[in-house]
Amino acid sequence: MKKLLALLLPAIILLSACTPGVSDDTVGTRNGAESGDLGLLLEGEIAGEITVSAFESIRYESFLNEAAEKFETLYPGTSINVVTFMAGPEVQTMEQDGQRVAMYFSERNVQDENDYIFRTGNEIMSGQGADIFAMDILPFDRYARSGYLEDLSGYLDADSGFNRDDYMANVLDALRLDGRQYILPIGFSFDVITYNDELVDGNEIFGAGDPMSLEQLLSVGAEYLGRNQSEASDSPVALIYSGRRQLFSNIFQADYGSFVDAAARKADFDSQKFADILNLVQSLETDGLIHEGVFAMAAGRPGGGGGASSSGGSQSGDMVMTPKLPDEIAELMNVQSLFGTRQGNMLLQMLNTEGQMQQHYFSPGTTLGENNSIGTVLANAEGDVEARITQSFAMNANSENKRLAWEFLKFLLSDEMQSANSNMSIPVNKNAMAEKARYEVATGVFGQGLRMGGAYGQGGASGQGVGSRLDENSTDAEDIELTDNQLLVLDQYLELILKYGGMINAWNPIDGRIMDLVYEETEQFFAGEKSAQDTASALQSRVTLYLNE
């Protein structure tokens, strides 16, 4: 098996951050084989060699290498080349709750991202490139609409070895673009609204259990806080546990489609709506209604990467976390907040009080004790529940071995690989979902411990960290007898995943480069250097220019 690792791309490619030559007006090999061709294709021999390309090493390399090794054993005569381009992480170990924990740190390099997108765009436009792409930072919608990604809809329907009933079919459907299935998710999540049950009557706020947008929550919460502020607590009370940048990001991304129409190459930032979001967040901070937590996110792009994964929300991207001084920590710890948000794969931490290793998340929107009651699932501005996609893949429409490429993609969705420890999110495969949940309850290792922290302890360098237990002496979860409480937790967790995950009906493919532009300009607003209107105008010009490059 060939496993290639290119740590850095040549620095000679220093041009545009957009995908050069990939025009929505240019149609490559119009993807998706005809039904008759598919029948012949799926009956063909599983043999030969393919290449799988990913920019990110942390989320993809371990998972893909494990899958490649198992696949090649299952199908002798095949060769899966795994190529990653992000520099490998620095590994540090620490003791936590009597367990040795590995922390992997890496810094974000925007130039490397741009170089990778540039090179991949040139390759795929010329009919070359990898057979399978991890859509971590690539501009998914541009590739798909230009005809460079294979439409997998027919494969899913024609392959008798793929049973949609075994999967969260609504998540697969949410990722369809223009009626076509270009991308397959490995893991998914969603956002839930949490609340402090010592301050909030959950029945009054969330009684109906319907999805609720952030803007709805802020409006209802402000009214609730106004009625109950005097008797709520002797300590200061904030409306929501979120720093201004994170809150702005969440509100903006939930309504991204109102400001960016990638297909039409149009932007609409100079509407009053965008300025209103900025002014709302600013006013909440001025009124002391935002609680950014012990660790605050400094300038940087949350959600990471570009393309498909940051869109829909991979949350493991570039965050810069600024440690606070002791007196600042004491002041912030004294502030309580009514609400917060968490990702679905963190619900198990909230439910399992017997976990051997409770991992702590120091990111905005996540508390260290309060907001431990689950309110409802978070909706976007239109009321839809969006999928948060952690790992996803697409097939090159010009692949010369689509038979092997499809079989490997299907293997990535199998029970075996979906339940693997290297899959760092909720499996889209329902059988694997139950197996992985049991393992996490049995071992106390939840969601493989994705830690957002930007290399905390390394001089404040920006980047990301992933923490996991070093379990060389681990036991298979099936061999561990769960306590009555753990069995209850397992049932509750799976019930919530199926309930809220079953509500997913949308996905938001956000262009990472556009998010970079948004954070660059809004940073000046939050620093008091620009008005909301000037910020909106600047973004209108910059994003319009980018969309038409």
Protein backbone atom coordinates (compact mmCIF):
# COMPACT_ATOMS: atom_id res chain seq x y z
CA MET A 1 0.00 0.00 0.00
CA LYS A 2 1.28 3.42 -0.88
CA LYS A 3 0.75 6.06 1.75
CA LEU A 4 2.04 9.42 0.67
CA LEU A 5 2.42 12.47 2.84
CA ALA A 6 3.26 15.81 1.26
CA LEU A 7 3.84 18.14 4.18
CA LEU A 8 4.08 21.37 2.26
CA LEU A 9 3.14 22.31 -1.27
CA PRO A 10 5.71 24.15 -3.40
CA ALA A 11 5.73 27.80 -2.53
CA ILE A 12 5.91 28.82 -6.18
CA ILE A 13 2.12 28.79 -6.52
CA LEU A 14 1.24 32.08 -4.92
CA LEU A 15 -1.71 33.24 -6.92
CA SER A 16 -5.41 33.42 -6.09
CA ALA A 17 -7.28 31.92 -3.15
CA CYS A 18 -10.17 31.04 -5.44
CA THR A 19 -10.17 27.96 -7.64
CA PRO A 20 -8.57 29.13 -10.88
CA GLY A 21 -10.17 27.99 -14.07
CA VAL A 22 -13.12 26.38 -12.34
CA SER A 23 -15.94 28.39 -13.82
CA ASP A 24 -19.61 27.77 -13.25
CA ASP A 25 -19.99 28.39 -16.99
CA THR A 26 -17.60 25.55 -17.83
CA VAL A 27 -18.95 22.04 -17.74
CA GLY A 28 -16.37 19.28 -17.44
CA THR A 29 -17.25 15.64 -17.83
CA ARG A 30 -20.95 15.85 -16.90
CA ASN A 31 -20.92 13.60 -13.94
CA GLY A 32 -22.92 10.51 -13.22
CA ALA A 33 -22.87 7.45 -15.44
CA GLU A 34 -26.00 6.43 -17.34
CA SER A 35 -28.07 3.70 -15.68
CA GLY A 36 -26.95 1.06 -18.18
CA ASP A 37 -23.30 1.99 -17.76
CA LEU A 38 -23.70 1.88 -13.99
CA GLY A 39 -24.96 -1.69 -14.11
CA LEU A 40 -21.86 -2.75 -16.02
CA LEU A 41 -19.62 -0.65 -13.81
CA LEU A 42 -20.89 -2.18 -10.57
CA GLU A 43 -20.37 -5.68 -11.95
CA GLY A 44 -16.77 -4.97 -12.84
CA GLU A 45 -13.72 -6.28 -11.04
CA ILE A 46 -12.62 -4.49 -7.89
CA ALA A 47 -8.95 -4.03 -8.65
CA GLY A 48 -6.33 -1.45 -9.47
CA GLU A 49 -5.18 1.72 -7.79
CA ILE A 50 -6.76 5.01 -6.71
CA THR A 51 -5.60 8.09 -4.84
CA VAL A 52 -7.51 9.80 -2.05
CA SER A 53 -6.54 13.41 -1.40
CA ALA A 54 -7.19 15.50 1.71
CA PHE A 55 -5.70 18.76 2.83
CA GLU A 56 -6.19 18.20 6.55
CA SER A 57 -4.18 15.49 8.24
CA ILE A 58 -5.74 15.59 11.70
CA ARG A 59 -9.29 14.62 10.82
CA TYR A 60 -8.55 12.55 7.72
CA GLU A 61 -5.16 10.84 7.69
CA SER A 62 -5.63 8.32 10.49
CA PHE A 63 -9.15 7.43 9.34
CA LEU A 64 -8.14 7.03 5.69
CA ASN A 65 -4.99 5.04 6.42
CA GLU A 66 -6.95 2.65 8.62
CA ALA A 67 -9.61 2.29 5.92
CA ALA A 68 -7.00 1.77 3.18
CA GLU A 69 -5.25 -0.99 5.09
CA LYS A 70 -8.49 -2.84 5.83
CA PHE A 71 -9.81 -2.39 2.29
CA GLU A 72 -6.64 -3.73 0.69
CA THR A 73 -6.84 -6.78 2.94
CA LEU A 74 -10.46 -7.28 1.95
CA TYR A 75 -9.71 -6.83 -1.75
CA PRO A 76 -6.22 -8.14 -2.65
CA GLY A 77 -4.91 -6.54 -5.79
CA THR A 78 -6.08 -3.06 -4.84
CA SER A 79 -3.93 -0.12 -3.80
CA ILE A 80 -5.30 2.96 -2.01
CA ASN A 81 -2.90 5.89 -1.93
CA VAL A 82 -3.66 8.37 0.84
CA VAL A 83 -2.24 11.84 0.28
CA THR A 84 -2.50 14.64 2.85
CA PHE A 85 -0.94 18.08 2.55
CA MET A 86 -1.28 19.76 5.93
CA ALA A 87 1.81 19.62 8.11
CA GLY A 88 1.61 16.84 10.67
CA PRO A 89 0.63 17.84 14.19
CA GLU A 90 2.92 18.24 17.17
CA VAL A 91 2.11 15.64 19.81
CA GLN A 92 2.15 16.38 23.53
CA THR A 93 0.97 14.18 26.38
CA MET A 94 -0.56 15.10 29.71
CA GLU A 95 -2.20 13.44 32.69
CA GLN A 96 -5.91 13.95 33.24
CA ASP A 97 -8.04 12.13 35.81
CA GLY A 98 -5.42 9.43 36.11
CA GLN A 99 -5.31 8.84 32.37
CA ARG A 100 -2.55 9.74 29.92
CA VAL A 101 -3.95 11.97 27.18
CA ALA A 102 -2.36 12.83 23.83
CA MET A 103 -2.81 16.37 22.54
CA TYR A 104 -2.14 17.07 18.88
CA PHE A 105 -1.45 20.68 17.92
CA SER A 106 -1.15 22.23 14.48
CA GLU A 107 -1.14 25.76 13.15
CA ARG A 108 -3.29 27.01 10.30
CA ASN A 109 -1.35 28.18 7.26
CA VAL A 110 -3.56 30.17 4.89
CA GLN A 111 -0.97 30.15 2.11
CA ASP A 112 -0.79 26.35 2.19
CA GLU A 113 -4.58 26.21 1.97
CA ASN A 114 -4.61 28.56 -1.01
CA ASP A 115 -1.82 26.61 -2.73
CA TYR A 116 -3.71 23.34 -2.26
CA ILE A 117 -6.96 24.78 -3.63
CA PHE A 118 -5.06 26.31 -6.58
CA ARG A 119 -3.25 23.09 -7.45
CA THR A 120 -6.33 20.91 -7.03
CA GLY A 121 -8.37 23.28 -9.20
CA ASN A 122 -5.80 23.13 -11.99
CA GLU A 123 -5.58 19.34 -11.82
CA ILE A 124 -9.30 18.65 -11.78
CA MET A 125 -9.92 21.19 -14.55
CA SER A 126 -7.42 19.40 -16.78
CA GLY A 127 -9.07 16.01 -16.20
CA GLN A 128 -6.50 14.82 -13.69
CA GLY A 129 -6.23 14.89 -9.90
CA ALA A 130 -7.08 12.38 -7.20
CA ASP A 131 -9.88 9.86 -7.64
CA ILE A 132 -11.50 10.85 -4.34
CA PHE A 133 -11.34 14.21 -2.59
CA ALA A 134 -11.94 14.97 1.07
CA MET A 135 -14.04 18.09 0.83
CA ASP A 136 -12.35 19.74 3.78
CA ILE A 137 -11.29 23.09 2.35
CA LEU A 138 -12.25 22.71 -1.31
CA PRO A 139 -15.00 24.90 -2.83
CA PHE A 140 -17.58 22.14 -3.13
CA ASP A 141 -20.35 23.99 -4.94
CA ARG A 142 -17.98 25.38 -7.60
CA TYR A 143 -16.60 21.92 -8.35
CA ALA A 144 -20.05 20.32 -8.38
CA ARG A 145 -21.76 22.90 -10.56
CA SER A 146 -18.84 22.90 -12.99
CA GLY A 147 -19.23 19.16 -13.55
CA TYR A 148 -15.99 18.04 -11.93
CA LEU A 149 -17.58 15.86 -9.24
CA GLU A 150 -19.37 12.59 -9.94
CA ASP A 151 -23.09 12.46 -9.22
CA LEU A 152 -23.33 9.49 -6.85
CA SER A 153 -27.14 9.31 -6.80
CA GLY A 154 -27.24 6.45 -9.29
CA TYR A 155 -24.59 4.49 -7.39
CA LEU A 156 -26.58 4.69 -4.18
CA ASP A 157 -29.71 3.48 -5.95
CA ALA A 158 -28.15 0.80 -8.15
CA ASP A 159 -25.75 -0.87 -5.72
CA SER A 160 -27.54 -3.74 -3.96
CA GLY A 161 -24.87 -3.66 -1.27
CA PHE A 162 -25.99 -0.22 -0.14
CA ASN A 163 -29.17 -0.06 1.94
CA ARG A 164 -30.42 3.47 2.63
CA ASP A 165 -32.40 2.20 5.62
CA ASP A 166 -29.10 1.55 7.41
CA TYR A 167 -28.22 5.25 7.26
CA MET A 168 -29.55 8.62 8.33
CA ALA A 169 -31.11 9.07 4.91
CA ASN A 170 -32.30 12.58 5.73
CA VAL A 171 -28.68 13.62 6.33
CA LEU A 172 -27.65 12.22 2.95
CA ASP A 173 -30.59 14.02 1.33
CA ALA A 174 -29.72 17.30 3.05
CA LEU A 175 -26.35 17.27 1.27
CA ARG A 176 -27.85 17.01 -2.20
CA LEU A 177 -27.12 19.95 -4.49
CA ASP A 178 -29.45 20.70 -7.39
CA GLY A 179 -31.02 17.28 -6.84
CA ARG A 180 -27.69 15.42 -7.10
CA GLN A 181 -25.65 13.55 -4.48
CA TYR A 182 -22.11 14.77 -5.05
CA ILE A 183 -20.84 14.37 -1.52
CA LEU A 184 -21.01 11.58 1.07
CA PRO A 185 -20.65 12.40 4.78
CA ILE A 186 -18.75 10.14 7.14
CA GLY A 187 -19.87 11.85 10.32
CA PHE A 188 -22.46 14.45 11.16
CA SER A 189 -23.67 16.53 14.04
CA PHE A 190 -26.12 19.35 14.79
CA ASP A 191 -26.36 22.17 17.29
CA VAL A 192 -28.55 22.13 20.36
CA ILE A 193 -29.56 24.98 22.62
CA THR A 194 -28.77 24.41 26.29
CA TYR A 195 -30.01 26.32 29.31
CA ASN A 196 -29.22 26.91 32.95
CA ASP A 197 -32.04 25.16 34.79
CA GLU A 198 -31.33 27.18 37.94
CA LEU A 199 -32.22 30.36 36.08
CA VAL A 200 -34.59 29.28 33.31
CA ASP A 201 -37.94 27.49 33.29
CA GLY A 202 -37.33 25.14 30.39
CA ASN A 203 -41.01 24.39 29.90
CA GLU A 204 -41.79 28.06 29.45
CA ILE A 205 -39.09 28.58 26.83
CA PHE A 206 -38.85 25.20 25.08
CA GLY A 207 -42.18 23.59 25.93
CA ALA A 208 -43.21 22.92 22.35
CA GLY A 209 -39.84 21.37 21.53
CA ASP A 210 -39.76 22.98 18.09
CA PRO A 211 -36.42 23.98 16.52
CA MET A 212 -35.46 27.54 17.42
CA SER A 213 -33.11 29.96 15.69
CA LEU A 214 -30.54 32.03 17.57
CA GLU A 215 -32.39 35.22 16.77
CA GLN A 216 -35.61 33.74 18.18
CA LEU A 217 -33.74 32.60 21.27
CA LEU A 218 -32.17 36.01 21.83
CA SER A 219 -35.54 37.74 21.50
CA VAL A 220 -37.40 35.33 23.79
CA GLY A 221 -34.49 35.22 26.21
CA ALA A 222 -34.19 38.99 26.49
CA GLU A 223 -37.87 39.24 27.36
CA TYR A 224 -37.53 36.39 29.87
CA LEU A 225 -34.45 37.93 31.45
CA GLY A 226 -36.19 41.29 31.73
CA ARG A 227 -39.04 39.70 33.67
CA ASN A 228 -36.86 37.61 35.95
CA GLN A 229 -33.56 39.48 36.29
CA SER A 230 -34.16 40.73 39.82
CA GLU A 231 -34.88 37.33 41.29
CA ALA A 232 -32.80 35.17 38.97
CA SER A 233 -29.46 35.36 40.75
CA ASP A 234 -27.29 37.44 43.02
CA SER A 235 -24.51 37.16 40.42
CA PRO A 236 -24.41 38.94 37.05
CA VAL A 237 -26.51 37.15 34.44
CA ALA A 238 -25.79 37.12 30.72
CA LEU A 239 -28.25 36.21 28.03
CA ILE A 240 -26.06 33.70 26.21
CA TYR A 241 -22.70 32.04 26.78
CA SER A 242 -20.92 33.26 23.68
CA GLY A 243 -18.26 35.79 22.76
CA ARG A 244 -19.19 38.50 20.28
CA ARG A 245 -17.21 36.98 17.41
CA GLN A 246 -18.67 33.53 17.94
CA LEU A 247 -22.20 34.88 18.29
CA PHE A 248 -21.82 36.98 15.15
CA SER A 249 -20.41 33.96 13.30
CA ASN A 250 -23.29 31.73 14.35
CA ILE A 251 -25.98 34.26 13.38
CA PHE A 252 -24.30 35.14 10.09
CA GLN A 253 -23.67 31.55 8.99
CA ALA A 254 -27.26 30.62 9.84
CA ASP A 255 -28.39 33.24 7.31
CA TYR A 256 -25.45 32.92 4.90
CA GLY A 257 -27.71 32.32 1.89
CA SER A 258 -29.24 35.78 2.30
CA PHE A 259 -25.86 37.39 1.66
CA VAL A 260 -24.15 35.06 -0.82
CA ASP A 261 -25.60 33.47 -3.97
CA ALA A 262 -22.64 31.51 -5.31
CA ALA A 263 -24.52 30.10 -8.30
CA ALA A 264 -25.52 33.58 -9.47
CA ARG A 265 -22.20 35.09 -8.34
CA LYS A 266 -23.99 37.75 -6.34
CA ALA A 267 -23.46 39.21 -2.89
CA ASP A 268 -25.89 41.22 -0.80
CA PHE A 269 -23.90 42.54 2.14
CA ASP A 270 -24.89 46.17 1.65
CA SER A 271 -28.45 45.46 2.69
CA GLN A 272 -29.54 46.72 6.09
CA LYS A 273 -29.85 43.14 7.27
CA PHE A 274 -26.09 42.56 7.57
CA ALA A 275 -25.51 45.84 9.41
CA ASP A 276 -28.35 44.91 11.76
CA ILE A 277 -26.57 41.68 12.75
CA LEU A 278 -23.38 43.58 13.57
CA ASN A 279 -25.25 46.20 15.57
CA LEU A 280 -27.26 43.55 17.44
CA VAL A 281 -24.14 41.72 18.60
CA GLN A 282 -22.46 44.99 19.52
CA SER A 283 -25.44 46.12 21.57
CA LEU A 284 -25.61 42.77 23.41
CA GLU A 285 -21.96 43.13 24.36
CA THR A 286 -22.45 46.77 25.44
CA ASP A 287 -25.37 45.73 27.64
CA GLY A 288 -23.34 42.93 29.23
CA LEU A 289 -25.58 40.22 27.81
CA ILE A 290 -22.79 38.17 26.21
CA HIS A 291 -20.69 35.83 28.30
CA GLU A 292 -17.59 34.83 26.38
CA GLY A 293 -16.28 32.44 29.02
CA VAL A 294 -12.92 31.87 30.60
CA PHE A 295 -11.30 31.52 27.18
CA ALA A 296 -12.20 34.12 24.56
CA MET A 297 -11.83 33.71 20.83
CA ALA A 298 -9.53 36.32 19.39
CA ALA A 299 -9.36 37.30 15.74
CA GLY A 300 -9.59 34.23 13.59
CA ARG A 301 -11.99 32.12 11.63
CA PRO A 302 -14.03 29.63 13.64
CA GLY A 303 -15.33 26.65 11.81
CA GLY A 304 -12.08 26.30 9.94
CA GLY A 305 -11.14 25.34 6.49
CA GLY A 306 -13.29 26.21 3.58
CA GLY A 307 -15.56 24.41 1.28
CA ALA A 308 -17.74 21.60 2.42
CA SER A 309 -16.64 21.01 5.94
CA SER A 310 -16.63 24.50 7.27
CA SER A 311 -19.89 24.84 5.48
CA GLY A 312 -22.21 22.90 7.53
CA GLY A 313 -19.92 23.29 9.98
CA SER A 314 -16.92 21.41 10.75
CA GLN A 315 -16.03 22.95 14.03
CA SER A 316 -12.44 21.89 14.08
CA GLY A 317 -10.86 24.77 12.28
CA ASP A 318 -8.73 27.75 13.18
CA MET A 319 -9.53 29.22 16.56
CA VAL A 320 -7.29 31.49 18.54
CA MET A 321 -8.02 31.14 22.22
CA THR A 322 -6.69 33.80 24.56
CA PRO A 323 -5.96 32.70 28.14
CA LYS A 324 -7.23 35.10 30.79
CA LEU A 325 -5.49 36.52 33.83
CA PRO A 326 -6.53 35.16 37.25
CA ASP A 327 -8.61 38.22 38.16
CA GLU A 328 -10.34 38.13 34.77
CA ILE A 329 -11.10 34.43 35.25
CA ALA A 330 -12.60 35.12 38.67
CA GLU A 331 -14.80 37.86 37.22
CA LEU A 332 -15.97 35.71 34.31
CA MET A 333 -16.63 32.71 36.53
CA ASN A 334 -18.97 34.90 38.54
CA VAL A 335 -21.16 35.53 35.50
CA GLN A 336 -23.95 33.08 34.78
CA SER A 337 -25.74 32.82 31.46
CA LEU A 338 -29.23 31.71 30.59
CA PHE A 339 -28.36 29.86 27.39
CA GLY A 340 -25.56 28.23 25.47
CA THR A 341 -25.07 25.98 22.46
CA ARG A 342 -23.39 22.62 22.04
CA GLN A 343 -22.84 20.21 19.22
CA GLY A 344 -24.79 16.98 19.23
CA ASN A 345 -21.75 14.78 19.75
CA MET A 346 -21.23 16.52 23.10
CA LEU A 347 -24.62 15.52 24.49
CA LEU A 348 -23.15 12.32 25.89
CA GLN A 349 -20.94 14.34 28.21
CA MET A 350 -23.98 16.10 29.58
CA LEU A 351 -25.86 12.85 30.15
CA ASN A 352 -23.09 10.61 31.48
CA THR A 353 -22.19 11.57 35.04
CA GLU A 354 -20.24 8.33 35.54
CA GLY A 355 -17.81 8.89 32.67
CA GLN A 356 -14.24 7.90 33.46
CA MET A 357 -12.86 10.92 31.66
CA GLN A 358 -15.01 14.03 31.39
CA GLN A 359 -13.31 16.09 28.69
CA HIS A 360 -13.68 19.87 28.94
CA TYR A 361 -14.20 22.15 25.99
CA PHE A 362 -12.94 25.71 26.35
CA SER A 363 -14.69 27.12 23.31
CA PRO A 364 -17.26 29.90 23.21
CA GLY A 365 -20.74 28.49 23.49
CA THR A 366 -19.64 25.72 25.83
CA THR A 367 -19.82 26.05 29.57
CA LEU A 368 -17.92 24.27 32.29
CA GLY A 369 -20.91 23.55 34.48
CA GLU A 370 -23.89 25.70 33.72
CA ASN A 371 -26.23 25.20 30.77
CA ASN A 372 -26.36 21.47 31.30
CA SER A 373 -30.03 21.08 30.44
CA ILE A 374 -31.03 20.41 26.85
CA GLY A 375 -33.58 22.82 25.42
CA THR A 376 -34.10 22.08 21.75
CA VAL A 377 -32.28 21.76 18.46
CA LEU A 378 -30.92 24.94 16.84
CA ALA A 379 -32.45 26.04 13.53
CA ASN A 380 -31.12 28.42 10.90
CA ALA A 381 -32.78 31.71 9.96
CA GLU A 382 -35.32 29.89 7.76
CA GLY A 383 -36.25 27.45 10.52
CA ASP A 384 -34.40 24.51 8.96
CA VAL A 385 -32.11 22.22 10.97
CA GLU A 386 -28.67 22.13 9.37
CA ALA A 387 -26.27 19.19 9.29
CA ARG A 388 -22.83 19.81 10.72
CA ILE A 389 -20.49 17.73 8.59
CA THR A 390 -17.15 16.66 10.03
CA GLN A 391 -15.69 14.43 7.33
CA SER A 392 -16.99 14.11 3.76
CA PHE A 393 -15.83 12.83 0.38
CA ALA A 394 -16.57 13.26 -3.32
CA MET A 395 -15.48 11.35 -6.44
CA ASN A 396 -13.60 13.00 -9.27
CA ALA A 397 -15.85 12.84 -12.34
CA ASN A 398 -12.72 12.12 -14.40
CA SER A 399 -11.49 9.22 -12.28
CA GLU A 400 -10.16 6.38 -14.42
CA ASN A 401 -11.20 3.74 -11.87
CA LYS A 402 -14.69 4.69 -10.75
CA ARG A 403 -15.46 1.09 -9.83
CA LEU A 404 -12.72 1.01 -7.21
CA ALA A 405 -13.39 4.59 -6.12
CA TRP A 406 -17.06 3.81 -5.47
CA GLU A 407 -16.28 0.63 -3.54
CA PHE A 408 -13.86 2.50 -1.32
CA LEU A 409 -16.39 5.29 -0.71
CA LYS A 410 -18.98 2.66 0.18
CA PHE A 411 -16.46 1.00 2.53
CA LEU A 412 -15.97 4.33 4.32
CA LEU A 413 -19.71 4.21 5.09
CA SER A 414 -19.62 0.61 6.33
CA ASP A 415 -20.33 -0.49 9.91
CA GLU A 416 -16.65 -1.24 10.41
CA MET A 417 -15.28 2.14 9.40
CA GLN A 418 -18.15 4.23 10.71
CA SER A 419 -17.63 2.80 14.21
CA ALA A 420 -13.84 3.26 14.08
CA ASN A 421 -12.25 5.41 16.76
CA SER A 422 -10.73 7.54 14.00
CA ASN A 423 -14.23 8.66 12.99
CA MET A 424 -14.50 11.74 15.18
CA SER A 425 -18.20 12.48 14.88
CA ILE A 426 -21.62 10.84 15.00
CA PRO A 427 -21.69 8.06 12.39
CA VAL A 428 -24.22 8.48 9.59
CA ASN A 429 -24.51 4.68 9.68
CA LYS A 430 -27.14 3.86 12.33
CA ASN A 431 -25.66 0.46 13.29
CA ALA A 432 -22.25 2.03 13.80
CA MET A 433 -23.87 4.92 15.67
CA ALA A 434 -25.19 2.53 18.33
CA GLU A 435 -21.89 0.62 18.54
CA LYS A 436 -19.79 3.75 18.83
CA ALA A 437 -22.13 5.24 21.44
CA ARG A 438 -21.83 2.08 23.56
CA TYR A 439 -18.04 2.27 23.34
CA GLU A 440 -18.04 5.91 24.42
CA VAL A 441 -20.36 5.24 27.36
CA ALA A 442 -18.32 2.20 28.41
CA THR A 443 -14.93 3.93 28.23
CA GLY A 444 -15.86 7.50 29.08
CA VAL A 445 -14.11 8.74 25.93
CA PHE A 446 -16.66 10.97 24.26
CA GLY A 447 -16.51 11.88 20.58
CA GLN A 448 -12.77 11.18 20.60
CA GLY A 449 -12.25 14.48 22.37
CA LEU A 450 -12.08 17.10 19.64
CA ARG A 451 -10.57 20.02 21.53
CA MET A 452 -10.76 23.48 20.15
CA GLY A 453 -7.92 25.38 21.59
CA GLY A 454 -5.39 26.76 19.19
CA ALA A 455 -2.29 25.23 20.69
CA TYR A 456 -2.95 26.55 24.16
CA GLY A 457 0.28 26.31 26.04
CA GLN A 458 2.37 26.98 22.97
CA GLY A 459 2.74 30.69 23.28
CA GLY A 460 -0.72 31.43 22.02
CA ALA A 461 -0.08 30.17 18.51
CA SER A 462 -3.17 29.73 16.42
CA GLY A 463 -4.22 26.31 15.33
CA GLN A 464 -6.24 23.38 16.50
CA GLY A 465 -5.85 20.60 18.99
CA VAL A 466 -7.26 17.13 19.17
CA GLY A 467 -7.19 15.24 22.44
CA SER A 468 -7.66 11.54 22.85
CA ARG A 469 -7.02 8.96 25.53
CA LEU A 470 -3.94 6.81 25.02
CA ASP A 471 -5.71 3.51 25.55
CA GLU A 472 -3.10 0.89 24.74
CA ASN A 473 -4.66 -1.25 27.47
CA SER A 474 -8.25 -0.62 26.37
CA THR A 475 -10.90 -3.32 26.29
CA ASP A 476 -13.55 -3.79 23.62
CA ALA A 477 -16.74 -2.05 24.69
CA GLU A 478 -18.74 -5.21 23.97
CA ASP A 479 -16.81 -6.96 26.74
CA ILE A 480 -17.66 -4.31 29.32
CA GLU A 481 -20.86 -4.70 31.27
CA LEU A 482 -22.62 -1.35 31.52
CA THR A 483 -24.12 -0.17 34.78
CA ASP A 484 -27.85 0.53 34.96
CA ASN A 485 -27.09 4.24 34.80
CA GLN A 486 -24.86 3.80 31.75
CA LEU A 487 -27.56 1.78 29.99
CA LEU A 488 -30.01 4.59 30.73
CA VAL A 489 -27.53 7.17 29.41
CA LEU A 490 -26.97 5.12 26.26
CA ASP A 491 -30.71 4.90 25.58
CA GLN A 492 -31.19 8.62 26.23
CA TYR A 493 -28.27 9.57 24.01
CA LEU A 494 -29.37 7.44 21.05
CA GLU A 495 -32.93 8.72 21.45
CA LEU A 496 -31.72 12.33 21.28
CA ILE A 497 -29.43 11.66 18.31
CA LEU A 498 -32.24 10.02 16.35
CA LYS A 499 -34.72 12.71 17.38
CA TYR A 500 -32.63 15.78 16.63
CA GLY A 501 -30.57 14.16 13.87
CA GLY A 502 -33.83 13.10 12.27
CA MET A 503 -34.87 16.75 12.05
CA ILE A 504 -31.93 17.64 9.80
CA ASN A 505 -33.21 18.88 6.46
CA ALA A 506 -30.57 21.35 5.27
CA TRP A 507 -26.86 21.87 4.77
CA ASN A 508 -25.05 25.14 4.32
CA PRO A 509 -22.06 24.98 1.91
CA ILE A 510 -20.12 28.04 3.01
CA ASP A 511 -17.08 29.16 1.03
CA GLY A 512 -14.12 29.34 3.40
CA ARG A 513 -12.49 32.18 1.49
CA ILE A 514 -15.63 34.29 1.86
CA MET A 515 -15.58 33.59 5.59
CA ASP A 516 -11.99 34.82 5.71
CA LEU A 517 -13.07 38.08 4.09
CA VAL A 518 -15.98 38.43 6.50
CA TYR A 519 -13.76 37.98 9.55
CA GLU A 520 -11.14 40.37 8.23
CA GLU A 521 -13.67 43.15 7.74
CA THR A 522 -15.81 42.57 10.83
CA GLU A 523 -12.73 42.57 13.03
CA GLN A 524 -12.34 46.23 12.14
CA PHE A 525 -15.94 46.85 13.14
CA PHE A 526 -15.56 45.15 16.51
CA ALA A 527 -12.32 47.07 17.05
CA GLY A 528 -14.27 50.31 16.57
CA GLU A 529 -12.41 51.22 13.37
CA LYS A 530 -15.39 50.99 10.99
CA SER A 531 -19.14 51.49 11.17
CA ALA A 532 -21.52 48.65 10.39
CA GLN A 533 -22.47 50.31 7.11
CA ASP A 534 -18.84 50.79 6.03
CA THR A 535 -18.08 47.19 6.92
CA ALA A 536 -21.02 45.98 4.85
CA SER A 537 -19.97 48.11 1.86
CA ALA A 538 -16.39 46.85 2.00
CA LEU A 539 -17.59 43.26 2.10
CA GLN A 540 -19.98 43.83 -0.78
CA SER A 541 -17.06 44.93 -2.97
CA ARG A 542 -14.60 42.25 -1.87
CA VAL A 543 -17.00 39.30 -2.01
CA THR A 544 -18.45 40.38 -5.37
CA LEU A 545 -14.91 40.58 -6.78
CA TYR A 546 -14.09 37.13 -5.42
CA LEU A 547 -17.27 35.52 -6.77
CA ASN A 548 -16.52 36.82 -10.25
CA GLU A 549 -12.86 35.84 -10.41
